[in-house]
Amino acid sequence: MIRNTVRLVWFLGALALITSAVAFAAAGGRNASTSSINLVVPAASTALASAGPAYGQSVTFDVSTNATNRPFVHLMCSQNGALVLQSWQAWFFGATGTQLFALGPSPAWQGGAAECTAYLENWDSYSKNGKITVLASTAFHVDG
């Protein structure tokens, strides 16, 4: 009876190890990461906007990631395919900045509606190989 129990424990342990190895390989040889980024329009801005953010207002983002402890948010806005706003902010404790993005004006964006995309980025490999990894993104419309 004890011998069968030992065999069962050994078998279950081996099965757990194989399952972990398969999951590790499926994740590309690393632990799978989860990341998200969601638009947040501060209350002071939403009083003026009916459906979403508008030109001249500020937005921020609710971000979550286990891929890095030093994420960045990269915002890009365009009008008719032309880039009119591009900005980055660090999104971790101790970083300077307000974690608010002003939706204009910029030298290229003096008014009107725009299409924007915010990217949650991992810059951990940037100093080694110049690589920035996009972890998640969200697109939104800015009213004119």
N, C-alpha and C. Protein backbone atom coordinates (compact mmCIF):
# COMPACT_ATOMS: atom_id res chain seq x y z
N MET A 1 0.83 -1.20 0.00
CA MET A 1 0.00 0.00 0.00
C MET A 1 0.86 1.25 0.00
N ILE A 2 1.89 1.28 0.87
CA ILE A 2 2.78 2.45 0.92
C ILE A 2 3.53 2.60 -0.38
N ARG A 3 3.97 1.47 -0.94
CA ARG A 3 4.71 1.51 -2.20
C ARG A 3 3.83 2.11 -3.31
N ASN A 4 2.56 1.75 -3.37
CA ASN A 4 1.64 2.31 -4.38
C ASN A 4 1.40 3.80 -4.14
N THR A 5 1.32 4.22 -2.89
CA THR A 5 1.14 5.64 -2.56
C THR A 5 2.36 6.43 -3.00
N VAL A 6 3.56 5.89 -2.77
CA VAL A 6 4.80 6.56 -3.20
C VAL A 6 4.83 6.69 -4.71
N ARG A 7 4.44 5.62 -5.41
CA ARG A 7 4.41 5.66 -6.88
C ARG A 7 3.42 6.71 -7.37
N LEU A 8 2.25 6.79 -6.73
CA LEU A 8 1.24 7.77 -7.12
C LEU A 8 1.75 9.19 -6.89
N VAL A 9 2.37 9.44 -5.75
CA VAL A 9 2.93 10.76 -5.47
C VAL A 9 4.01 11.11 -6.48
N TRP A 10 4.88 10.15 -6.79
CA TRP A 10 5.94 10.40 -7.77
C TRP A 10 5.32 10.70 -9.14
N PHE A 11 4.31 9.92 -9.53
CA PHE A 11 3.65 10.13 -10.81
C PHE A 11 3.00 11.51 -10.89
N LEU A 12 2.29 11.90 -9.85
CA LEU A 12 1.63 13.21 -9.85
C LEU A 12 2.66 14.34 -9.88
N GLY A 13 3.76 14.17 -9.17
CA GLY A 13 4.83 15.18 -9.21
C GLY A 13 5.43 15.30 -10.60
N ALA A 14 5.68 14.15 -11.25
CA ALA A 14 6.23 14.16 -12.60
C ALA A 14 5.24 14.80 -13.57
N LEU A 15 3.96 14.49 -13.41
CA LEU A 15 2.93 15.08 -14.27
C LEU A 15 2.88 16.60 -14.10
N ALA A 16 2.97 17.08 -12.87
CA ALA A 16 2.97 18.52 -12.61
C ALA A 16 4.18 19.17 -13.25
N LEU A 17 5.34 18.54 -13.18
CA LEU A 17 6.56 19.08 -13.78
C LEU A 17 6.43 19.16 -15.30
N ILE A 18 5.89 18.13 -15.92
CA ILE A 18 5.70 18.13 -17.38
C ILE A 18 4.70 19.21 -17.78
N THR A 19 3.62 19.34 -17.05
CA THR A 19 2.61 20.37 -17.34
C THR A 19 3.23 21.76 -17.24
N SER A 20 4.05 22.01 -16.24
CA SER A 20 4.73 23.30 -16.09
C SER A 20 5.67 23.55 -17.25
N ALA A 21 6.40 22.53 -17.68
CA ALA A 21 7.34 22.69 -18.79
C ALA A 21 6.61 23.02 -20.08
N VAL A 22 5.48 22.35 -20.32
CA VAL A 22 4.68 22.62 -21.53
C VAL A 22 4.15 24.05 -21.50
N ALA A 23 3.64 24.50 -20.36
CA ALA A 23 3.12 25.87 -20.23
C ALA A 23 4.24 26.88 -20.43
N PHE A 24 5.42 26.58 -19.91
CA PHE A 24 6.58 27.47 -20.04
C PHE A 24 6.98 27.59 -21.50
N ALA A 25 7.01 26.47 -22.21
CA ALA A 25 7.37 26.48 -23.63
C ALA A 25 6.31 27.21 -24.45
N ALA A 26 5.03 27.02 -24.12
CA ALA A 26 3.95 27.68 -24.85
C ALA A 26 4.01 29.19 -24.67
N ALA A 27 4.56 29.65 -23.57
CA ALA A 27 4.67 31.08 -23.32
C ALA A 27 5.95 31.64 -23.92
N GLY A 28 6.60 30.87 -24.79
CA GLY A 28 7.81 31.38 -25.43
C GLY A 28 9.03 31.25 -24.54
N GLY A 29 9.01 30.31 -23.61
CA GLY A 29 10.16 30.10 -22.76
C GLY A 29 10.25 31.08 -21.61
N ARG A 30 9.20 31.76 -21.32
CA ARG A 30 9.20 32.71 -20.20
C ARG A 30 7.81 32.70 -19.58
N ASN A 31 7.72 33.29 -18.43
CA ASN A 31 6.40 33.36 -17.80
C ASN A 31 5.51 34.28 -18.62
N ALA A 32 4.29 33.88 -18.83
CA ALA A 32 3.34 34.69 -19.60
C ALA A 32 3.03 35.97 -18.82
N SER A 33 2.97 37.07 -19.53
CA SER A 33 2.67 38.34 -18.86
C SER A 33 1.26 38.78 -19.23
N THR A 34 0.67 39.54 -18.34
CA THR A 34 -0.63 40.12 -18.61
C THR A 34 -0.51 41.62 -18.45
N SER A 35 -1.06 42.34 -19.39
CA SER A 35 -0.98 43.80 -19.39
C SER A 35 -2.27 44.37 -19.95
N SER A 36 -2.64 45.54 -19.45
CA SER A 36 -3.82 46.23 -19.98
C SER A 36 -3.63 47.74 -19.81
N ILE A 37 -4.32 48.47 -20.67
CA ILE A 37 -4.34 49.93 -20.60
C ILE A 37 -5.75 50.39 -20.98
N ASN A 38 -6.33 51.24 -20.14
CA ASN A 38 -7.68 51.73 -20.37
C ASN A 38 -7.72 53.24 -20.21
N LEU A 39 -8.46 53.90 -21.09
CA LEU A 39 -8.63 55.35 -21.05
C LEU A 39 -9.42 55.77 -19.82
N VAL A 40 -8.96 56.85 -19.17
CA VAL A 40 -9.69 57.46 -18.06
C VAL A 40 -9.78 58.96 -18.37
N VAL A 41 -11.00 59.47 -18.41
CA VAL A 41 -11.21 60.91 -18.61
C VAL A 41 -11.53 61.49 -17.23
N PRO A 42 -10.65 62.32 -16.68
CA PRO A 42 -10.90 62.87 -15.34
C PRO A 42 -12.24 63.60 -15.27
N ALA A 43 -12.84 63.60 -14.08
CA ALA A 43 -14.17 64.18 -13.87
C ALA A 43 -14.26 65.62 -14.34
N ALA A 44 -13.23 66.41 -14.12
CA ALA A 44 -13.25 67.82 -14.54
C ALA A 44 -13.38 67.93 -16.06
N SER A 45 -12.82 66.97 -16.79
CA SER A 45 -12.91 66.99 -18.25
C SER A 45 -14.23 66.47 -18.75
N THR A 46 -14.79 65.46 -18.09
CA THR A 46 -16.03 64.86 -18.59
C THR A 46 -17.22 65.78 -18.46
N ALA A 47 -17.16 66.76 -17.58
CA ALA A 47 -18.27 67.70 -17.45
C ALA A 47 -18.48 68.46 -18.75
N LEU A 48 -17.40 68.61 -19.53
CA LEU A 48 -17.49 69.34 -20.79
C LEU A 48 -17.76 68.43 -21.97
N ALA A 49 -17.41 67.16 -21.84
CA ALA A 49 -17.54 66.24 -22.98
C ALA A 49 -18.81 65.40 -22.86
N SER A 50 -19.44 65.17 -23.98
CA SER A 50 -20.66 64.37 -23.94
C SER A 50 -20.36 62.88 -24.09
N ALA A 51 -19.57 62.48 -25.05
CA ALA A 51 -19.35 61.07 -25.30
C ALA A 51 -17.94 60.62 -24.97
N GLY A 52 -17.00 61.50 -24.93
CA GLY A 52 -15.61 61.12 -24.70
C GLY A 52 -14.75 62.36 -24.59
N PRO A 53 -13.46 62.20 -24.63
CA PRO A 53 -12.59 63.36 -24.49
C PRO A 53 -12.69 64.29 -25.69
N ALA A 54 -12.40 65.54 -25.45
CA ALA A 54 -12.44 66.55 -26.51
C ALA A 54 -11.10 67.28 -26.57
N TYR A 55 -10.86 67.91 -27.71
CA TYR A 55 -9.65 68.70 -27.90
C TYR A 55 -9.49 69.68 -26.74
N GLY A 56 -8.27 69.79 -26.22
CA GLY A 56 -7.97 70.72 -25.14
C GLY A 56 -8.14 70.13 -23.75
N GLN A 57 -8.76 68.97 -23.65
CA GLN A 57 -8.92 68.32 -22.34
C GLN A 57 -7.71 67.44 -22.05
N SER A 58 -7.70 66.90 -20.83
CA SER A 58 -6.64 65.97 -20.42
C SER A 58 -7.22 64.59 -20.19
N VAL A 59 -6.39 63.58 -20.43
CA VAL A 59 -6.76 62.20 -20.14
C VAL A 59 -5.63 61.52 -19.38
N THR A 60 -5.96 60.43 -18.75
CA THR A 60 -4.98 59.59 -18.11
C THR A 60 -5.35 58.14 -18.42
N PHE A 61 -4.61 57.20 -17.87
CA PHE A 61 -4.86 55.80 -18.20
C PHE A 61 -4.75 54.94 -16.95
N ASP A 62 -5.57 53.92 -16.92
CA ASP A 62 -5.49 52.89 -15.89
C ASP A 62 -4.66 51.77 -16.51
N VAL A 63 -3.46 51.52 -15.96
CA VAL A 63 -2.57 50.52 -16.53
C VAL A 63 -2.29 49.41 -15.53
N SER A 64 -2.03 48.24 -16.07
CA SER A 64 -1.67 47.10 -15.27
C SER A 64 -0.74 46.22 -16.08
N THR A 65 0.37 45.77 -15.46
CA THR A 65 1.27 44.84 -16.13
C THR A 65 2.11 44.11 -15.10
N ASN A 66 2.43 42.88 -15.43
CA ASN A 66 3.39 42.15 -14.63
C ASN A 66 4.66 41.88 -15.44
N ALA A 67 4.77 42.54 -16.59
CA ALA A 67 5.93 42.36 -17.47
C ALA A 67 7.11 43.23 -17.06
N THR A 68 6.85 44.34 -16.38
CA THR A 68 7.90 45.25 -15.96
C THR A 68 7.39 46.05 -14.76
N ASN A 69 8.31 46.52 -13.93
CA ASN A 69 7.89 47.40 -12.84
C ASN A 69 8.17 48.86 -13.18
N ARG A 70 8.56 49.12 -14.43
CA ARG A 70 8.81 50.48 -14.89
C ARG A 70 8.19 50.71 -16.28
N PRO A 71 6.86 50.63 -16.38
CA PRO A 71 6.21 50.82 -17.69
C PRO A 71 6.13 52.30 -18.09
N PHE A 72 5.97 52.49 -19.38
CA PHE A 72 5.77 53.82 -19.95
C PHE A 72 4.48 53.80 -20.75
N VAL A 73 3.83 54.96 -20.84
CA VAL A 73 2.67 55.12 -21.71
C VAL A 73 3.08 56.08 -22.83
N HIS A 74 2.80 55.67 -24.05
CA HIS A 74 3.14 56.43 -25.25
C HIS A 74 1.83 56.78 -25.96
N LEU A 75 1.55 58.06 -26.10
CA LEU A 75 0.31 58.52 -26.74
C LEU A 75 0.62 59.12 -28.09
N MET A 76 -0.12 58.69 -29.10
CA MET A 76 0.00 59.24 -30.45
C MET A 76 -1.39 59.61 -30.95
N CYS A 77 -1.53 60.83 -31.49
CA CYS A 77 -2.80 61.28 -32.07
C CYS A 77 -2.56 61.76 -33.48
N SER A 78 -3.54 61.51 -34.35
CA SER A 78 -3.41 61.95 -35.75
C SER A 78 -4.72 62.51 -36.27
N GLN A 79 -4.58 63.37 -37.26
CA GLN A 79 -5.72 63.92 -38.00
C GLN A 79 -5.49 63.59 -39.46
N ASN A 80 -6.45 62.91 -40.07
CA ASN A 80 -6.34 62.53 -41.48
C ASN A 80 -5.02 61.82 -41.78
N GLY A 81 -4.56 60.98 -40.86
CA GLY A 81 -3.33 60.21 -41.06
C GLY A 81 -2.04 60.93 -40.71
N ALA A 82 -2.11 62.22 -40.40
CA ALA A 82 -0.90 62.98 -40.06
C ALA A 82 -0.74 63.05 -38.54
N LEU A 83 0.42 62.72 -38.05
CA LEU A 83 0.70 62.76 -36.62
C LEU A 83 0.65 64.21 -36.13
N VAL A 84 -0.19 64.46 -35.11
CA VAL A 84 -0.33 65.81 -34.59
C VAL A 84 0.09 65.92 -33.12
N LEU A 85 0.21 64.77 -32.45
CA LEU A 85 0.62 64.78 -31.04
C LEU A 85 1.30 63.45 -30.73
N GLN A 86 2.43 63.54 -30.04
CA GLN A 86 3.14 62.35 -29.58
C GLN A 86 3.77 62.69 -28.24
N SER A 87 3.53 61.83 -27.25
CA SER A 87 4.04 62.11 -25.91
C SER A 87 4.25 60.80 -25.16
N TRP A 88 5.25 60.78 -24.27
CA TRP A 88 5.52 59.63 -23.42
C TRP A 88 5.50 60.06 -21.97
N GLN A 89 5.10 59.16 -21.11
CA GLN A 89 5.20 59.40 -19.67
C GLN A 89 5.54 58.09 -18.97
N ALA A 90 6.42 58.20 -17.97
CA ALA A 90 6.73 57.05 -17.13
C ALA A 90 5.53 56.76 -16.25
N TRP A 91 5.26 55.50 -15.99
CA TRP A 91 4.07 55.12 -15.24
C TRP A 91 4.44 54.25 -14.05
N PHE A 92 5.37 54.75 -13.23
CA PHE A 92 5.78 53.99 -12.06
C PHE A 92 6.13 54.95 -10.93
N PHE A 93 6.13 54.43 -9.71
CA PHE A 93 6.39 55.22 -8.52
C PHE A 93 7.77 55.86 -8.62
N GLY A 94 7.84 57.14 -8.31
CA GLY A 94 9.11 57.86 -8.33
C GLY A 94 9.40 58.57 -9.64
N ALA A 95 8.61 58.30 -10.68
CA ALA A 95 8.82 58.97 -11.96
C ALA A 95 8.28 60.39 -11.88
N THR A 96 8.92 61.29 -12.61
CA THR A 96 8.44 62.66 -12.65
C THR A 96 7.31 62.76 -13.67
N GLY A 97 6.45 63.72 -13.49
CA GLY A 97 5.33 63.90 -14.41
C GLY A 97 4.01 63.76 -13.68
N THR A 98 2.96 64.15 -14.36
CA THR A 98 1.64 64.17 -13.73
C THR A 98 0.78 62.97 -14.10
N GLN A 99 1.21 62.18 -15.06
CA GLN A 99 0.45 61.07 -15.62
C GLN A 99 -0.86 61.56 -16.23
N LEU A 100 -0.85 62.79 -16.69
CA LEU A 100 -1.95 63.36 -17.48
C LEU A 100 -1.41 63.73 -18.85
N PHE A 101 -2.20 63.49 -19.86
CA PHE A 101 -1.83 63.89 -21.22
C PHE A 101 -2.81 64.96 -21.68
N ALA A 102 -2.30 66.10 -22.12
CA ALA A 102 -3.13 67.16 -22.69
C ALA A 102 -3.41 66.82 -24.15
N LEU A 103 -4.68 66.85 -24.53
CA LEU A 103 -5.08 66.57 -25.90
C LEU A 103 -5.09 67.87 -26.69
N GLY A 104 -3.92 68.40 -26.94
CA GLY A 104 -3.74 69.65 -27.65
C GLY A 104 -3.79 70.83 -26.70
N PRO A 105 -3.35 71.97 -27.17
CA PRO A 105 -2.79 72.16 -28.50
C PRO A 105 -1.33 71.69 -28.58
N SER A 106 -0.90 71.45 -29.77
CA SER A 106 0.51 71.19 -30.09
C SER A 106 0.82 72.00 -31.34
N PRO A 107 2.07 72.12 -31.71
CA PRO A 107 2.37 72.88 -32.94
C PRO A 107 1.61 72.36 -34.16
N ALA A 108 1.38 71.05 -34.23
CA ALA A 108 0.68 70.48 -35.38
C ALA A 108 -0.82 70.31 -35.16
N TRP A 109 -1.27 70.46 -33.92
CA TRP A 109 -2.69 70.24 -33.60
C TRP A 109 -3.25 71.50 -32.95
N GLN A 110 -3.87 72.32 -33.77
CA GLN A 110 -4.42 73.59 -33.29
C GLN A 110 -5.92 73.55 -33.09
N GLY A 111 -6.53 72.40 -33.34
CA GLY A 111 -7.97 72.25 -33.13
C GLY A 111 -8.51 71.11 -33.94
N GLY A 112 -9.75 70.74 -33.66
CA GLY A 112 -10.43 69.70 -34.42
C GLY A 112 -10.28 68.32 -33.81
N ALA A 113 -11.04 67.40 -34.37
CA ALA A 113 -11.07 66.02 -33.90
C ALA A 113 -9.79 65.29 -34.28
N ALA A 114 -9.52 64.21 -33.56
CA ALA A 114 -8.34 63.38 -33.84
C ALA A 114 -8.60 61.95 -33.40
N GLU A 115 -7.81 61.07 -33.94
CA GLU A 115 -7.83 59.66 -33.54
C GLU A 115 -6.53 59.41 -32.77
N CYS A 116 -6.67 58.81 -31.58
CA CYS A 116 -5.50 58.60 -30.73
C CYS A 116 -5.36 57.13 -30.36
N THR A 117 -4.13 56.73 -30.11
CA THR A 117 -3.82 55.41 -29.58
C THR A 117 -2.79 55.57 -28.49
N ALA A 118 -3.05 54.92 -27.36
CA ALA A 118 -2.10 54.91 -26.25
C ALA A 118 -1.52 53.50 -26.16
N TYR A 119 -0.20 53.44 -26.01
CA TYR A 119 0.51 52.18 -25.94
C TYR A 119 1.15 52.03 -24.56
N LEU A 120 0.97 50.91 -23.93
CA LEU A 120 1.68 50.57 -22.70
C LEU A 120 2.96 49.87 -23.14
N GLU A 121 4.11 50.43 -22.75
CA GLU A 121 5.39 49.95 -23.27
C GLU A 121 6.34 49.49 -22.17
N ASN A 122 7.15 48.51 -22.53
CA ASN A 122 8.22 48.01 -21.68
C ASN A 122 9.54 48.43 -22.30
N TRP A 123 10.29 49.25 -21.58
CA TRP A 123 11.58 49.76 -22.05
C TRP A 123 12.75 49.04 -21.40
N ASP A 124 12.52 47.92 -20.71
CA ASP A 124 13.59 47.24 -19.98
C ASP A 124 14.77 46.85 -20.87
N SER A 125 14.54 46.50 -22.13
CA SER A 125 15.62 46.08 -23.03
C SER A 125 16.19 47.22 -23.86
N TYR A 126 15.70 48.44 -23.68
CA TYR A 126 16.11 49.55 -24.53
C TYR A 126 17.60 49.85 -24.43
N SER A 127 18.16 49.86 -23.23
CA SER A 127 19.57 50.20 -23.09
C SER A 127 20.48 49.12 -23.66
N LYS A 128 20.02 47.88 -23.74
CA LYS A 128 20.84 46.78 -24.27
C LYS A 128 20.77 46.69 -25.79
N ASN A 129 19.57 46.76 -26.34
CA ASN A 129 19.42 46.53 -27.78
C ASN A 129 18.47 47.49 -28.48
N GLY A 130 18.08 48.56 -27.81
CA GLY A 130 17.22 49.56 -28.43
C GLY A 130 15.80 49.07 -28.67
N LYS A 131 15.39 48.02 -27.98
CA LYS A 131 14.07 47.43 -28.21
C LYS A 131 13.06 47.93 -27.19
N ILE A 132 11.90 48.36 -27.69
CA ILE A 132 10.76 48.74 -26.87
C ILE A 132 9.64 47.76 -27.20
N THR A 133 9.06 47.14 -26.18
CA THR A 133 8.01 46.16 -26.39
C THR A 133 6.66 46.77 -26.02
N VAL A 134 5.72 46.71 -26.97
CA VAL A 134 4.36 47.16 -26.70
C VAL A 134 3.63 46.02 -25.99
N LEU A 135 3.13 46.32 -24.80
CA LEU A 135 2.45 45.32 -23.98
C LEU A 135 0.94 45.31 -24.19
N ALA A 136 0.37 46.49 -24.44
CA ALA A 136 -1.07 46.62 -24.66
C ALA A 136 -1.32 47.98 -25.30
N SER A 137 -2.50 48.16 -25.88
CA SER A 137 -2.84 49.46 -26.47
C SER A 137 -4.35 49.68 -26.38
N THR A 138 -4.72 50.94 -26.50
CA THR A 138 -6.13 51.31 -26.57
C THR A 138 -6.27 52.49 -27.51
N ALA A 139 -7.26 52.44 -28.37
CA ALA A 139 -7.52 53.53 -29.31
C ALA A 139 -8.80 54.26 -28.90
N PHE A 140 -8.81 55.58 -29.17
CA PHE A 140 -9.99 56.37 -28.83
C PHE A 140 -10.08 57.59 -29.73
N HIS A 141 -11.28 58.13 -29.84
CA HIS A 141 -11.57 59.31 -30.64
C HIS A 141 -11.60 60.54 -29.74
N VAL A 142 -11.04 61.62 -30.23
CA VAL A 142 -11.09 62.92 -29.53
C VAL A 142 -12.00 63.83 -30.35
N ASP A 143 -13.04 64.37 -29.71
CA ASP A 143 -13.95 65.28 -30.39
C ASP A 143 -13.25 66.62 -30.61
N GLY A 144 -13.64 67.30 -31.69
CA GLY A 144 -13.02 68.57 -32.05
C GLY A 144 -13.54 69.74 -31.30
